Amino acid sequence: GLSRARMNELTLHDRSHLRAEELYLIALAVDVKPCDLLEAMCGDLKLE
């Protein structure tokens, strides 16, 4: 239900911010576990 423009923004522009709801829906749409997609997007983040 996301627009093609929003998908382009999320996949092409680093300044775009992926919302949790969007991540969850995208994971369902591509048949992966939401946790796996979250790990792929944010796995390089570390606590200071």
ModelCIF file with pLDDT and N, C-alpha, C, O atoms, coordinates in Angstrom:
data_MODEL
#
_entry.id   MODEL 
#
_entity.id                         1 
_entity.type                       polymer 
_entity.pdbx_number_of_molecules   1 
#
_entity_poly.entity_id                      1 
_entity_poly.type                           'polypeptide(L)' 
_entity_poly.nstd_linkage                   no 
_entity_poly.nstd_monomer                   no 
_entity_poly.pdbx_seq_one_letter_code       GLSRARMNELTLHDRSHLRAEELYLIALAVDVKPCDLLEAMCGDLKLE 
_entity_poly.pdbx_seq_one_letter_code_can   GLSRARMNELTLHDRSHLRAEELYLIALAVDVKPCDLLEAMCGDLKLE 
_entity_poly.pdbx_strand_id                 A 
#
loop_
_entity_poly_seq.entity_id 
_entity_poly_seq.num 
_entity_poly_seq.mon_id 
_entity_poly_seq.hetero 
1 1  GLY n 
1 2  LEU n 
1 3  SER n 
1 4  ARG n 
1 5  ALA n 
1 6  ARG n 
1 7  MET n 
1 8  ASN n 
1 9  GLU n 
1 10 LEU n 
1 11 THR n 
1 12 LEU n 
1 13 HIS n 
1 14 ASP n 
1 15 ARG n 
1 16 SER n 
1 17 HIS n 
1 18 LEU n 
1 19 ARG n 
1 20 ALA n 
1 21 GLU n 
1 22 GLU n 
1 23 LEU n 
1 24 TYR n 
1 25 LEU n 
1 26 ILE n 
1 27 ALA n 
1 28 LEU n 
1 29 ALA n 
1 30 VAL n 
1 31 ASP n 
1 32 VAL n 
1 33 LYS n 
1 34 PRO n 
1 35 CYS n 
1 36 ASP n 
1 37 LEU n 
1 38 LEU n 
1 39 GLU n 
1 40 ALA n 
1 41 MET n 
1 42 CYS n 
1 43 GLY n 
1 44 ASP n 
1 45 LEU n 
1 46 LYS n 
1 47 LEU n 
1 48 GLU n 
#
_struct_asym.id          A 
_struct_asym.entity_id   1 
#
loop_
_ma_qa_metric.id 
_ma_qa_metric.mode 
_ma_qa_metric.name 
_ma_qa_metric.software_group_id 
_ma_qa_metric.type 
1 global pLDDT . pLDDT 
2 local  pLDDT . pLDDT 
#
_ma_qa_metric_global.metric_id      1 
_ma_qa_metric_global.metric_value   95.88 
_ma_qa_metric_global.model_id       1 
_ma_qa_metric_global.ordinal_id     1 
#
loop_
_ma_qa_metric_local.label_asym_id 
_ma_qa_metric_local.label_comp_id 
_ma_qa_metric_local.label_seq_id 
_ma_qa_metric_local.metric_id 
_ma_qa_metric_local.metric_value 
_ma_qa_metric_local.model_id 
_ma_qa_metric_local.ordinal_id 
A GLY 1  2 97.00 1 1  
A LEU 2  2 97.00 1 2  
A SER 3  2 97.00 1 3  
A ARG 4  2 95.00 1 4  
A ALA 5  2 96.00 1 5  
A ARG 6  2 97.00 1 6  
A MET 7  2 97.00 1 7  
A ASN 8  2 96.00 1 8  
A GLU 9  2 97.00 1 9  
A LEU 10 2 97.00 1 10 
A THR 11 2 96.00 1 11 
A LEU 12 2 96.00 1 12 
A HIS 13 2 96.00 1 13 
A ASP 14 2 92.00 1 14 
A ARG 15 2 94.00 1 15 
A SER 16 2 94.00 1 16 
A HIS 17 2 94.00 1 17 
A LEU 18 2 95.00 1 18 
A ARG 19 2 96.00 1 19 
A ALA 20 2 96.00 1 20 
A GLU 21 2 97.00 1 21 
A GLU 22 2 97.00 1 22 
A LEU 23 2 97.00 1 23 
A TYR 24 2 98.00 1 24 
A LEU 25 2 98.00 1 25 
A ILE 26 2 98.00 1 26 
A ALA 27 2 98.00 1 27 
A LEU 28 2 97.00 1 28 
A ALA 29 2 97.00 1 29 
A VAL 30 2 97.00 1 30 
A ASP 31 2 96.00 1 31 
A VAL 32 2 97.00 1 32 
A LYS 33 2 97.00 1 33 
A PRO 34 2 97.00 1 34 
A CYS 35 2 97.00 1 35 
A ASP 36 2 96.00 1 36 
A LEU 37 2 97.00 1 37 
A LEU 38 2 96.00 1 38 
A GLU 39 2 96.00 1 39 
A ALA 40 2 94.00 1 40 
A MET 41 2 94.00 1 41 
A CYS 42 2 93.00 1 42 
A GLY 43 2 93.00 1 43 
A ASP 44 2 93.00 1 44 
A LEU 45 2 93.00 1 45 
A LYS 46 2 95.00 1 46 
A LEU 47 2 95.00 1 47 
A GLU 48 2 94.00 1 48 
#
loop_
_atom_site.group_PDB 
_atom_site.id 
_atom_site.type_symbol 
_atom_site.label_atom_id 
_atom_site.label_alt_id 
_atom_site.label_comp_id 
_atom_site.label_asym_id 
_atom_site.label_entity_id 
_atom_site.label_seq_id 
_atom_site.pdbx_PDB_ins_code 
_atom_site.Cartn_x 
_atom_site.Cartn_y 
_atom_site.Cartn_z 
_atom_site.occupancy 
_atom_site.B_iso_or_equiv 
_atom_site.pdbx_formal_charge 
_atom_site.auth_seq_id 
_atom_site.auth_comp_id 
_atom_site.auth_asym_id 
_atom_site.auth_atom_id 
_atom_site.pdbx_PDB_model_num 
ATOM 1   N N  . GLY A 1 1  ? 0.804  -1.212  0.000  1.00 97.00 ? 1  GLY A N  1 
ATOM 2   C CA . GLY A 1 1  ? 0.000  0.000   0.000  1.00 97.00 ? 1  GLY A CA 1 
ATOM 3   C C  . GLY A 1 1  ? 0.838  1.263   0.000  1.00 97.00 ? 1  GLY A C  1 
ATOM 4   O O  . GLY A 1 1  ? 0.293  2.366   0.027  1.00 97.00 ? 1  GLY A O  1 
ATOM 5   N N  . LEU A 1 2  ? 2.161  1.118   -0.030 1.00 97.00 ? 2  LEU A N  1 
ATOM 6   C CA . LEU A 1 2  ? 3.038  2.279   -0.136 1.00 97.00 ? 2  LEU A CA 1 
ATOM 7   C C  . LEU A 1 2  ? 3.044  2.738   -1.590 1.00 97.00 ? 2  LEU A C  1 
ATOM 8   O O  . LEU A 1 2  ? 2.902  1.925   -2.504 1.00 97.00 ? 2  LEU A O  1 
ATOM 9   N N  . SER A 1 3  ? 3.205  4.018   -1.796 1.00 97.00 ? 3  SER A N  1 
ATOM 10  C CA . SER A 1 3  ? 3.254  4.516   -3.172 1.00 97.00 ? 3  SER A CA 1 
ATOM 11  C C  . SER A 1 3  ? 4.599  4.144   -3.805 1.00 97.00 ? 3  SER A C  1 
ATOM 12  O O  . SER A 1 3  ? 5.583  3.886   -3.112 1.00 97.00 ? 3  SER A O  1 
ATOM 13  N N  . ARG A 1 4  ? 4.610  4.123   -5.140 1.00 95.00 ? 4  ARG A N  1 
ATOM 14  C CA . ARG A 1 4  ? 5.880  3.857   -5.828 1.00 95.00 ? 4  ARG A CA 1 
ATOM 15  C C  . ARG A 1 4  ? 6.875  4.975   -5.536 1.00 95.00 ? 4  ARG A C  1 
ATOM 16  O O  . ARG A 1 4  ? 8.079  4.734   -5.455 1.00 95.00 ? 4  ARG A O  1 
ATOM 17  N N  . ALA A 1 5  ? 6.371  6.191   -5.380 1.00 96.00 ? 5  ALA A N  1 
ATOM 18  C CA . ALA A 1 5  ? 7.252  7.319   -5.053 1.00 96.00 ? 5  ALA A CA 1 
ATOM 19  C C  . ALA A 1 5  ? 7.910  7.102   -3.692 1.00 96.00 ? 5  ALA A C  1 
ATOM 20  O O  . ALA A 1 5  ? 9.100  7.370   -3.527 1.00 96.00 ? 5  ALA A O  1 
ATOM 21  N N  . ARG A 1 6  ? 7.137  6.618   -2.717 1.00 97.00 ? 6  ARG A N  1 
ATOM 22  C CA . ARG A 1 6  ? 7.701  6.357   -1.382 1.00 97.00 ? 6  ARG A CA 1 
ATOM 23  C C  . ARG A 1 6  ? 8.721  5.228   -1.450 1.00 97.00 ? 6  ARG A C  1 
ATOM 24  O O  . ARG A 1 6  ? 9.767  5.304   -0.806 1.00 97.00 ? 6  ARG A O  1 
ATOM 25  N N  . MET A 1 7  ? 8.433  4.179   -2.224 1.00 97.00 ? 7  MET A N  1 
ATOM 26  C CA . MET A 1 7  ? 9.395  3.085   -2.376 1.00 97.00 ? 7  MET A CA 1 
ATOM 27  C C  . MET A 1 7  ? 10.683 3.602   -3.004 1.00 97.00 ? 7  MET A C  1 
ATOM 28  O O  . MET A 1 7  ? 11.774 3.227   -2.576 1.00 97.00 ? 7  MET A O  1 
ATOM 29  N N  . ASN A 1 8  ? 10.566 4.457   -4.013 1.00 96.00 ? 8  ASN A N  1 
ATOM 30  C CA . ASN A 1 8  ? 11.764 5.034   -4.628 1.00 96.00 ? 8  ASN A CA 1 
ATOM 31  C C  . ASN A 1 8  ? 12.543 5.871   -3.633 1.00 96.00 ? 8  ASN A C  1 
ATOM 32  O O  . ASN A 1 8  ? 13.771 5.805   -3.585 1.00 96.00 ? 8  ASN A O  1 
ATOM 33  N N  . GLU A 1 9  ? 11.837 6.653   -2.843 1.00 97.00 ? 9  GLU A N  1 
ATOM 34  C CA . GLU A 1 9  ? 12.494 7.468   -1.825 1.00 97.00 ? 9  GLU A CA 1 
ATOM 35  C C  . GLU A 1 9  ? 13.253 6.581   -0.837 1.00 97.00 ? 9  GLU A C  1 
ATOM 36  O O  . GLU A 1 9  ? 14.405 6.862   -0.509 1.00 97.00 ? 9  GLU A O  1 
ATOM 37  N N  . LEU A 1 10 ? 12.613 5.517   -0.365 1.00 97.00 ? 10 LEU A N  1 
ATOM 38  C CA . LEU A 1 10 ? 13.226 4.633   0.629  1.00 97.00 ? 10 LEU A CA 1 
ATOM 39  C C  . LEU A 1 10 ? 14.411 3.844   0.071  1.00 97.00 ? 10 LEU A C  1 
ATOM 40  O O  . LEU A 1 10 ? 15.307 3.461   0.824  1.00 97.00 ? 10 LEU A O  1 
ATOM 41  N N  . THR A 1 11 ? 14.423 3.602   -1.222 1.00 96.00 ? 11 THR A N  1 
ATOM 42  C CA . THR A 1 11 ? 15.490 2.783   -1.799 1.00 96.00 ? 11 THR A CA 1 
ATOM 43  C C  . THR A 1 11 ? 16.592 3.599   -2.461 1.00 96.00 ? 11 THR A C  1 
ATOM 44  O O  . THR A 1 11 ? 17.672 3.073   -2.733 1.00 96.00 ? 11 THR A O  1 
ATOM 45  N N  . LEU A 1 12 ? 16.334 4.878   -2.724 1.00 96.00 ? 12 LEU A N  1 
ATOM 46  C CA . LEU A 1 12 ? 17.322 5.672   -3.452 1.00 96.00 ? 12 LEU A CA 1 
ATOM 47  C C  . LEU A 1 12 ? 17.939 6.819   -2.665 1.00 96.00 ? 12 LEU A C  1 
ATOM 48  O O  . LEU A 1 12 ? 19.061 7.231   -2.961 1.00 96.00 ? 12 LEU A O  1 
ATOM 49  N N  . HIS A 1 13 ? 17.233 7.342   -1.669 1.00 96.00 ? 13 HIS A N  1 
ATOM 50  C CA . HIS A 1 13 ? 17.693 8.550   -0.974 1.00 96.00 ? 13 HIS A CA 1 
ATOM 51  C C  . HIS A 1 13 ? 18.078 8.248   0.469  1.00 96.00 ? 13 HIS A C  1 
ATOM 52  O O  . HIS A 1 13 ? 17.235 7.852   1.275  1.00 96.00 ? 13 HIS A O  1 
ATOM 53  N N  . ASP A 1 14 ? 19.352 8.437   0.788  1.00 92.00 ? 14 ASP A N  1 
ATOM 54  C CA . ASP A 1 14 ? 19.852 8.140   2.134  1.00 92.00 ? 14 ASP A CA 1 
ATOM 55  C C  . ASP A 1 14 ? 19.196 8.999   3.213  1.00 92.00 ? 14 ASP A C  1 
ATOM 56  O O  . ASP A 1 14 ? 19.172 8.606   4.379  1.00 92.00 ? 14 ASP A O  1 
ATOM 57  N N  . ARG A 1 15 ? 18.669 10.154  2.845  1.00 94.00 ? 15 ARG A N  1 
ATOM 58  C CA . ARG A 1 15 ? 18.031 11.017  3.846  1.00 94.00 ? 15 ARG A CA 1 
ATOM 59  C C  . ARG A 1 15 ? 16.648 10.546  4.238  1.00 94.00 ? 15 ARG A C  1 
ATOM 60  O O  . ARG A 1 15 ? 16.083 11.039  5.215  1.00 94.00 ? 15 ARG A O  1 
ATOM 61  N N  . SER A 1 16 ? 16.090 9.602   3.501  1.00 94.00 ? 16 SER A N  1 
ATOM 62  C CA . SER A 1 16 ? 14.750 9.113   3.848  1.00 94.00 ? 16 SER A CA 1 
ATOM 63  C C  . SER A 1 16 ? 14.836 8.251   5.107  1.00 94.00 ? 16 SER A C  1 
ATOM 64  O O  . SER A 1 16 ? 15.854 7.609   5.367  1.00 94.00 ? 16 SER A O  1 
ATOM 65  N N  . HIS A 1 17 ? 13.782 8.250   5.860  1.00 94.00 ? 17 HIS A N  1 
ATOM 66  C CA . HIS A 1 17 ? 13.736 7.489   7.101  1.00 94.00 ? 17 HIS A CA 1 
ATOM 67  C C  . HIS A 1 17 ? 12.665 6.415   6.988  1.00 94.00 ? 17 HIS A C  1 
ATOM 68  O O  . HIS A 1 17 ? 11.489 6.709   6.776  1.00 94.00 ? 17 HIS A O  1 
ATOM 69  N N  . LEU A 1 18 ? 13.085 5.183   7.132  1.00 95.00 ? 18 LEU A N  1 
ATOM 70  C CA . LEU A 1 18 ? 12.191 4.032   7.061  1.00 95.00 ? 18 LEU A CA 1 
ATOM 71  C C  . LEU A 1 18 ? 11.471 3.883   8.393  1.00 95.00 ? 18 LEU A C  1 
ATOM 72  O O  . LEU A 1 18 ? 12.109 3.687   9.428  1.00 95.00 ? 18 LEU A O  1 
ATOM 73  N N  . ARG A 1 19 ? 10.157 3.974   8.373  1.00 96.00 ? 19 ARG A N  1 
ATOM 74  C CA . ARG A 1 19 ? 9.361  3.818   9.591  1.00 96.00 ? 19 ARG A CA 1 
ATOM 75  C C  . ARG A 1 19 ? 9.195  2.334   9.902  1.00 96.00 ? 19 ARG A C  1 
ATOM 76  O O  . ARG A 1 19 ? 9.256  1.496   9.003  1.00 96.00 ? 19 ARG A O  1 
ATOM 77  N N  . ALA A 1 20 ? 8.988  2.016   11.165 1.00 96.00 ? 20 ALA A N  1 
ATOM 78  C CA . ALA A 1 20 ? 8.843  0.630   11.605 1.00 96.00 ? 20 ALA A CA 1 
ATOM 79  C C  . ALA A 1 20 ? 7.703  -0.064  10.871 1.00 96.00 ? 20 ALA A C  1 
ATOM 80  O O  . ALA A 1 20 ? 7.830  -1.221  10.473 1.00 96.00 ? 20 ALA A O  1 
ATOM 81  N N  . GLU A 1 21 ? 6.598  0.637   10.694 1.00 97.00 ? 21 GLU A N  1 
ATOM 82  C CA . GLU A 1 21 ? 5.444  0.053   10.004 1.00 97.00 ? 21 GLU A CA 1 
ATOM 83  C C  . GLU A 1 21 ? 5.788  -0.304  8.562  1.00 97.00 ? 21 GLU A C  1 
ATOM 84  O O  . GLU A 1 21 ? 5.369  -1.343  8.051  1.00 97.00 ? 21 GLU A O  1 
ATOM 85  N N  . GLU A 1 22 ? 6.553  0.565   7.914  1.00 97.00 ? 22 GLU A N  1 
ATOM 86  C CA . GLU A 1 22 ? 6.960  0.326   6.529  1.00 97.00 ? 22 GLU A CA 1 
ATOM 87  C C  . GLU A 1 22 ? 7.901  -0.872  6.450  1.00 97.00 ? 22 GLU A C  1 
ATOM 88  O O  . GLU A 1 22 ? 7.758  -1.722  5.571  1.00 97.00 ? 22 GLU A O  1 
ATOM 89  N N  . LEU A 1 23 ? 8.858  -0.937  7.361  1.00 97.00 ? 23 LEU A N  1 
ATOM 90  C CA . LEU A 1 23 ? 9.784  -2.069  7.391  1.00 97.00 ? 23 LEU A CA 1 
ATOM 91  C C  . LEU A 1 23 ? 9.015  -3.375  7.558  1.00 97.00 ? 23 LEU A C  1 
ATOM 92  O O  . LEU A 1 23 ? 9.296  -4.354  6.867  1.00 97.00 ? 23 LEU A O  1 
ATOM 93  N N  . TYR A 1 24 ? 8.062  -3.394  8.457  1.00 98.00 ? 24 TYR A N  1 
ATOM 94  C CA . TYR A 1 24 ? 7.285  -4.600  8.720  1.00 98.00 ? 24 TYR A CA 1 
ATOM 95  C C  . TYR A 1 24 ? 6.505  -5.026  7.479  1.00 98.00 ? 24 TYR A C  1 
ATOM 96  O O  . TYR A 1 24 ? 6.520  -6.200  7.109  1.00 98.00 ? 24 TYR A O  1 
ATOM 97  N N  . LEU A 1 25 ? 5.827  -4.082  6.839  1.00 98.00 ? 25 LEU A N  1 
ATOM 98  C CA . LEU A 1 25 ? 5.057  -4.400  5.639  1.00 98.00 ? 25 LEU A CA 1 
ATOM 99  C C  . LEU A 1 25 ? 5.942  -4.861  4.494  1.00 98.00 ? 25 LEU A C  1 
ATOM 100 O O  . LEU A 1 25 ? 5.588  -5.791  3.770  1.00 98.00 ? 25 LEU A O  1 
ATOM 101 N N  . ILE A 1 26 ? 7.090  -4.217  4.327  1.00 98.00 ? 26 ILE A N  1 
ATOM 102 C CA . ILE A 1 26 ? 8.011  -4.609  3.257  1.00 98.00 ? 26 ILE A CA 1 
ATOM 103 C C  . ILE A 1 26 ? 8.527  -6.021  3.505  1.00 98.00 ? 26 ILE A C  1 
ATOM 104 O O  . ILE A 1 26 ? 8.622  -6.818  2.572  1.00 98.00 ? 26 ILE A O  1 
ATOM 105 N N  . ALA A 1 27 ? 8.858  -6.335  4.743  1.00 98.00 ? 27 ALA A N  1 
ATOM 106 C CA . ALA A 1 27 ? 9.320  -7.684  5.077  1.00 98.00 ? 27 ALA A CA 1 
ATOM 107 C C  . ALA A 1 27 ? 8.255  -8.716  4.729  1.00 98.00 ? 27 ALA A C  1 
ATOM 108 O O  . ALA A 1 27 ? 8.565  -9.755  4.146  1.00 98.00 ? 27 ALA A O  1 
ATOM 109 N N  . LEU A 1 28 ? 7.018  -8.442  5.077  1.00 97.00 ? 28 LEU A N  1 
ATOM 110 C CA . LEU A 1 28 ? 5.928  -9.368  4.745  1.00 97.00 ? 28 LEU A CA 1 
ATOM 111 C C  . LEU A 1 28 ? 5.786  -9.518  3.229  1.00 97.00 ? 28 LEU A C  1 
ATOM 112 O O  . LEU A 1 28 ? 5.556  -10.618 2.727  1.00 97.00 ? 28 LEU A O  1 
ATOM 113 N N  . ALA A 1 29 ? 5.926  -8.411  2.508  1.00 97.00 ? 29 ALA A N  1 
ATOM 114 C CA . ALA A 1 29 ? 5.758  -8.429  1.054  1.00 97.00 ? 29 ALA A CA 1 
ATOM 115 C C  . ALA A 1 29 ? 6.849  -9.227  0.349  1.00 97.00 ? 29 ALA A C  1 
ATOM 116 O O  . ALA A 1 29 ? 6.596  -9.835  -0.690 1.00 97.00 ? 29 ALA A O  1 
ATOM 117 N N  . VAL A 1 30 ? 8.064  -9.230  0.908  1.00 97.00 ? 30 VAL A N  1 
ATOM 118 C CA . VAL A 1 30 ? 9.168  -9.964  0.262  1.00 97.00 ? 30 VAL A CA 1 
ATOM 119 C C  . VAL A 1 30 ? 9.415  -11.308 0.934  1.00 97.00 ? 30 VAL A C  1 
ATOM 120 O O  . VAL A 1 30 ? 10.393 -11.994 0.634  1.00 97.00 ? 30 VAL A O  1 
ATOM 121 N N  . ASP A 1 31 ? 8.524  -11.675 1.842  1.00 96.00 ? 31 ASP A N  1 
ATOM 122 C CA . ASP A 1 31 ? 8.536  -12.994 2.485  1.00 96.00 ? 31 ASP A CA 1 
ATOM 123 C C  . ASP A 1 31 ? 9.814  -13.261 3.275  1.00 96.00 ? 31 ASP A C  1 
ATOM 124 O O  . ASP A 1 31 ? 10.433 -14.318 3.146  1.00 96.00 ? 31 ASP A O  1 
ATOM 125 N N  . VAL A 1 32 ? 10.198 -12.273 4.100  1.00 97.00 ? 32 VAL A N  1 
ATOM 126 C CA . VAL A 1 32 ? 11.306 -12.451 5.040  1.00 97.00 ? 32 VAL A CA 1 
ATOM 127 C C  . VAL A 1 32 ? 10.798 -12.077 6.426  1.00 97.00 ? 32 VAL A C  1 
ATOM 128 O O  . VAL A 1 32 ? 9.798  -11.371 6.559  1.00 97.00 ? 32 VAL A O  1 
ATOM 129 N N  . LYS A 1 33 ? 11.481 -12.546 7.441  1.00 97.00 ? 33 LYS A N  1 
ATOM 130 C CA . LYS A 1 33 ? 11.114 -12.186 8.808  1.00 97.00 ? 33 LYS A CA 1 
ATOM 131 C C  . LYS A 1 33 ? 11.458 -10.721 9.035  1.00 97.00 ? 33 LYS A C  1 
ATOM 132 O O  . LYS A 1 33 ? 12.546 -10.280 8.665  1.00 97.00 ? 33 LYS A O  1 
ATOM 133 N N  . PRO A 1 34 ? 10.548 -9.959  9.636  1.00 97.00 ? 34 PRO A N  1 
ATOM 134 C CA . PRO A 1 34 ? 10.833 -8.551  9.906  1.00 97.00 ? 34 PRO A CA 1 
ATOM 135 C C  . PRO A 1 34 ? 12.134 -8.352  10.684 1.00 97.00 ? 34 PRO A C  1 
ATOM 136 O O  . PRO A 1 34 ? 12.846 -7.377  10.446 1.00 97.00 ? 34 PRO A O  1 
ATOM 137 N N  . CYS A 1 35 ? 12.452 -9.249  11.598 1.00 97.00 ? 35 CYS A N  1 
ATOM 138 C CA . CYS A 1 35 ? 13.700 -9.142  12.366 1.00 97.00 ? 35 CYS A CA 1 
ATOM 139 C C  . CYS A 1 35 ? 14.922 -9.263  11.458 1.00 97.00 ? 35 CYS A C  1 
ATOM 140 O O  . CYS A 1 35 ? 15.931 -8.592  11.674 1.00 97.00 ? 35 CYS A O  1 
ATOM 141 N N  . ASP A 1 36 ? 14.827 -10.119 10.444 1.00 96.00 ? 36 ASP A N  1 
ATOM 142 C CA . ASP A 1 36 ? 15.943 -10.279 9.506  1.00 96.00 ? 36 ASP A CA 1 
ATOM 143 C C  . ASP A 1 36 ? 16.149 -9.010  8.684  1.00 96.00 ? 36 ASP A C  1 
ATOM 144 O O  . ASP A 1 36 ? 17.284 -8.600  8.444  1.00 96.00 ? 36 ASP A O  1 
ATOM 145 N N  . LEU A 1 37 ? 15.054 -8.391  8.255  1.00 97.00 ? 37 LEU A N  1 
ATOM 146 C CA . LEU A 1 37 ? 15.169 -7.144  7.501  1.00 97.00 ? 37 LEU A CA 1 
ATOM 147 C C  . LEU A 1 37 ? 15.707 -6.034  8.397  1.00 97.00 ? 37 LEU A C  1 
ATOM 148 O O  . LEU A 1 37 ? 16.531 -5.231  7.959  1.00 97.00 ? 37 LEU A O  1 
ATOM 149 N N  . LEU A 1 38 ? 15.252 -5.982  9.639  1.00 96.00 ? 38 LEU A N  1 
ATOM 150 C CA . LEU A 1 38 ? 15.759 -4.980  10.578 1.00 96.00 ? 38 LEU A CA 1 
ATOM 151 C C  . LEU A 1 38 ? 17.256 -5.165  10.790 1.00 96.00 ? 38 LEU A C  1 
ATOM 152 O O  . LEU A 1 38 ? 18.004 -4.188  10.816 1.00 96.00 ? 38 LEU A O  1 
ATOM 153 N N  . GLU A 1 39 ? 17.695 -6.394  10.939 1.00 96.00 ? 39 GLU A N  1 
ATOM 154 C CA . GLU A 1 39 ? 19.125 -6.677  11.105 1.00 96.00 ? 39 GLU A CA 1 
ATOM 155 C C  . GLU A 1 39 ? 19.914 -6.219  9.881  1.00 96.00 ? 39 GLU A C  1 
ATOM 156 O O  . GLU A 1 39 ? 20.998 -5.653  10.017 1.00 96.00 ? 39 GLU A O  1 
ATOM 157 N N  . ALA A 1 40 ? 19.382 -6.458  8.703  1.00 94.00 ? 40 ALA A N  1 
ATOM 158 C CA . ALA A 1 40 ? 20.058 -6.036  7.477  1.00 94.00 ? 40 ALA A CA 1 
ATOM 159 C C  . ALA A 1 40 ? 20.147 -4.509  7.382  1.00 94.00 ? 40 ALA A C  1 
ATOM 160 O O  . ALA A 1 40 ? 21.135 -3.977  6.876  1.00 94.00 ? 40 ALA A O  1 
ATOM 161 N N  . MET A 1 41 ? 19.122 -3.805  7.865  1.00 94.00 ? 41 MET A N  1 
ATOM 162 C CA . MET A 1 41 ? 19.111 -2.350  7.779  1.00 94.00 ? 41 MET A CA 1 
ATOM 163 C C  . MET A 1 41 ? 19.943 -1.689  8.880  1.00 94.00 ? 41 MET A C  1 
ATOM 164 O O  . MET A 1 41 ? 20.562 -0.650  8.652  1.00 94.00 ? 41 MET A O  1 
ATOM 165 N N  . CYS A 1 42 ? 19.959 -2.289  10.070 1.00 93.00 ? 42 CYS A N  1 
ATOM 166 C CA . CYS A 1 42 ? 20.548 -1.605  11.225 1.00 93.00 ? 42 CYS A CA 1 
ATOM 167 C C  . CYS A 1 42 ? 21.635 -2.424  11.926 1.00 93.00 ? 42 CYS A C  1 
ATOM 168 O O  . CYS A 1 42 ? 22.101 -2.018  12.990 1.00 93.00 ? 42 CYS A O  1 
ATOM 169 N N  . GLY A 1 43 ? 22.041 -3.527  11.382 1.00 93.00 ? 43 GLY A N  1 
ATOM 170 C CA . GLY A 1 43 ? 23.003 -4.414  12.032 1.00 93.00 ? 43 GLY A CA 1 
ATOM 171 C C  . GLY A 1 43 ? 24.365 -3.811  12.297 1.00 93.00 ? 43 GLY A C  1 
ATOM 172 O O  . GLY A 1 43 ? 25.119 -4.311  13.132 1.00 93.00 ? 43 GLY A O  1 
ATOM 173 N N  . ASP A 1 44 ? 24.688 -2.727  11.583 1.00 93.00 ? 44 ASP A N  1 
ATOM 174 C CA . ASP A 1 44 ? 26.010 -2.118  11.770 1.00 93.00 ? 44 ASP A CA 1 
ATOM 175 C C  . ASP A 1 44 ? 26.014 -1.073  12.891 1.00 93.00 ? 44 ASP A C  1 
ATOM 176 O O  . ASP A 1 44 ? 27.067 -0.524  13.216 1.00 93.00 ? 44 ASP A O  1 
ATOM 177 N N  . LEU A 1 45 ? 24.856 -0.794  13.479 1.00 93.00 ? 45 LEU A N  1 
ATOM 178 C CA . LEU A 1 45 ? 24.789 0.190   14.571 1.00 93.00 ? 45 LEU A CA 1 
ATOM 179 C C  . LEU A 1 45 ? 25.339 -0.409  15.857 1.00 93.00 ? 45 LEU A C  1 
ATOM 180 O O  . LEU A 1 45 ? 25.090 -1.576  16.159 1.00 93.00 ? 45 LEU A O  1 
ATOM 181 N N  . LYS A 1 46 ? 26.073 0.376   16.602 1.00 95.00 ? 46 LYS A N  1 
ATOM 182 C CA . LYS A 1 46 ? 26.664 -0.055  17.862 1.00 95.00 ? 46 LYS A CA 1 
ATOM 183 C C  . LYS A 1 46 ? 26.425 0.994   18.925 1.00 95.00 ? 46 LYS A C  1 
ATOM 184 O O  . LYS A 1 46 ? 26.324 2.182   18.619 1.00 95.00 ? 46 LYS A O  1 
ATOM 185 N N  . LEU A 1 47 ? 26.336 0.567   20.164 1.00 95.00 ? 47 LEU A N  1 
ATOM 186 C CA . LEU A 1 47 ? 26.210 1.485   21.286 1.00 95.00 ? 47 LEU A CA 1 
ATOM 187 C C  . LEU A 1 47 ? 27.545 2.165   21.531 1.00 95.00 ? 47 LEU A C  1 
ATOM 188 O O  . LEU A 1 47 ? 28.606 1.574   21.334 1.00 95.00 ? 47 LEU A O  1 
ATOM 189 N N  . GLU A 1 48 ? 27.475 3.411   21.963 1.00 94.00 ? 48 GLU A N  1 
ATOM 190 C CA . GLU A 1 48 ? 28.696 4.123   22.342 1.00 94.00 ? 48 GLU A CA 1 
ATOM 191 C C  . GLU A 1 48 ? 29.117 3.636   23.715 1.00 94.00 ? 48 GLU A C  1 
ATOM 192 O O  . GLU A 1 48 ? 30.127 4.094   24.250 1.00 94.00 ? 48 GLU A O  1 
#
